[in-house]
Amino acid sequence: MDAGGLLAYAPSQSELARQAAGYVDRILKGAKPADLPVEQPNTFELVINMKTAKALGLTIPPSVLLRADQIIE
C-alpha cells in the first residue's frame, strides 16, 4: 500500500502467521501435513491510502474511514 495503492481489503497478515505457526506446531508434534484441515482466514483488514486518494482527487466517505483498520497519510 505504501507504493501507491488506493485501498486493500485482505486477510490479516498477523492472523495468517498465527495460523501458519499452528500448522508448523502440529507437524513438529508428528501430524501428517495431508491430514491437517484447510483453514480459511477469519480476520480481514481494510487499509486506505489517503495520499493516493488525494492524488486522484477522490474523497473517501467518513463512514468508510471509520471502518478502516489502517489509514496511510
Protein backbone atom coordinates (compact mmCIF):
# COMPACT_ATOMS: atom_id res chain seq x y z
CA MET A 1 0.00 0.00 0.00
CA ASP A 2 2.87 2.37 0.63
CA ALA A 3 3.76 2.09 -3.06
CA GLY A 4 0.61 3.95 -4.14
CA GLY A 5 -2.33 1.53 -3.92
CA LEU A 6 -5.64 3.20 -3.07
CA LEU A 7 -7.10 0.59 -0.76
CA ALA A 8 -6.84 -3.04 0.21
CA TYR A 9 -9.22 -5.45 1.88
CA ALA A 10 -7.26 -8.58 2.64
CA PRO A 11 -6.64 -11.22 5.30
CA SER A 12 -4.74 -10.01 8.34
CA GLN A 13 -1.05 -10.83 7.93
CA SER A 14 -0.63 -11.42 11.67
CA GLU A 15 -3.59 -13.84 11.65
CA LEU A 16 -2.11 -15.74 8.69
CA ALA A 17 1.22 -16.00 10.53
CA ARG A 18 -0.56 -17.31 13.63
CA GLN A 19 -2.37 -19.97 11.57
CA ALA A 20 0.88 -20.98 9.87
CA ALA A 21 2.59 -21.30 13.26
CA GLY A 22 -0.23 -23.59 14.38
CA TYR A 23 0.33 -25.83 11.35
CA VAL A 24 4.09 -25.94 11.98
CA ASP A 25 3.49 -26.82 15.63
CA ARG A 26 1.20 -29.73 14.72
CA ILE A 27 3.62 -31.04 12.09
CA LEU A 28 6.55 -30.87 14.51
CA LYS A 29 4.45 -32.85 17.01
CA GLY A 30 4.01 -35.63 14.43
CA ALA A 31 0.87 -34.75 12.48
CA LYS A 32 0.92 -35.61 8.78
CA PRO A 33 0.51 -32.48 6.65
CA ALA A 34 -2.01 -34.26 4.41
CA ASP A 35 -4.23 -34.91 7.45
CA LEU A 36 -4.39 -31.27 8.55
CA PRO A 37 -7.58 -29.37 7.70
CA VAL A 38 -7.54 -26.43 5.32
CA GLU A 39 -8.31 -23.25 7.25
CA GLN A 40 -9.78 -20.07 5.84
CA PRO A 41 -8.65 -16.70 7.17
CA ASN A 42 -11.06 -15.32 9.76
CA THR A 43 -9.81 -11.76 10.15
CA PHE A 44 -9.64 -9.21 7.32
CA GLU A 45 -8.22 -5.69 7.34
CA LEU A 46 -9.20 -2.59 5.39
CA VAL A 47 -6.30 -0.26 4.59
CA ILE A 48 -6.86 3.09 2.88
CA ASN A 49 -4.11 5.24 1.37
CA MET A 50 -5.25 8.86 1.71
CA LYS A 51 -2.19 10.15 -0.14
CA THR A 52 -3.26 8.24 -3.26
CA ALA A 53 -6.91 9.26 -2.80
CA LYS A 54 -5.90 12.93 -2.72
CA ALA A 55 -3.65 12.49 -5.78
CA LEU A 56 -6.65 11.02 -7.67
CA GLY A 57 -8.98 13.75 -6.43
CA LEU A 58 -11.14 11.26 -4.51
CA THR A 59 -12.97 11.92 -1.28
CA ILE A 60 -13.34 8.86 0.91
CA PRO A 61 -16.64 9.00 2.85
CA PRO A 62 -16.26 9.31 6.63
CA SER A 63 -18.28 6.12 7.15
CA VAL A 64 -15.65 4.17 5.16
CA LEU A 65 -12.79 5.84 7.02
CA LEU A 66 -14.33 4.80 10.34
CA ARG A 67 -14.32 1.16 9.22
CA ALA A 68 -10.66 1.23 8.16
CA ASP A 69 -8.16 -0.72 10.26
CA GLN A 70 -5.32 1.44 8.96
CA ILE A 71 -5.18 4.80 7.19
CA ILE A 72 -1.97 5.77 5.42
CA GLU A 73 -1.47 9.52 5.41
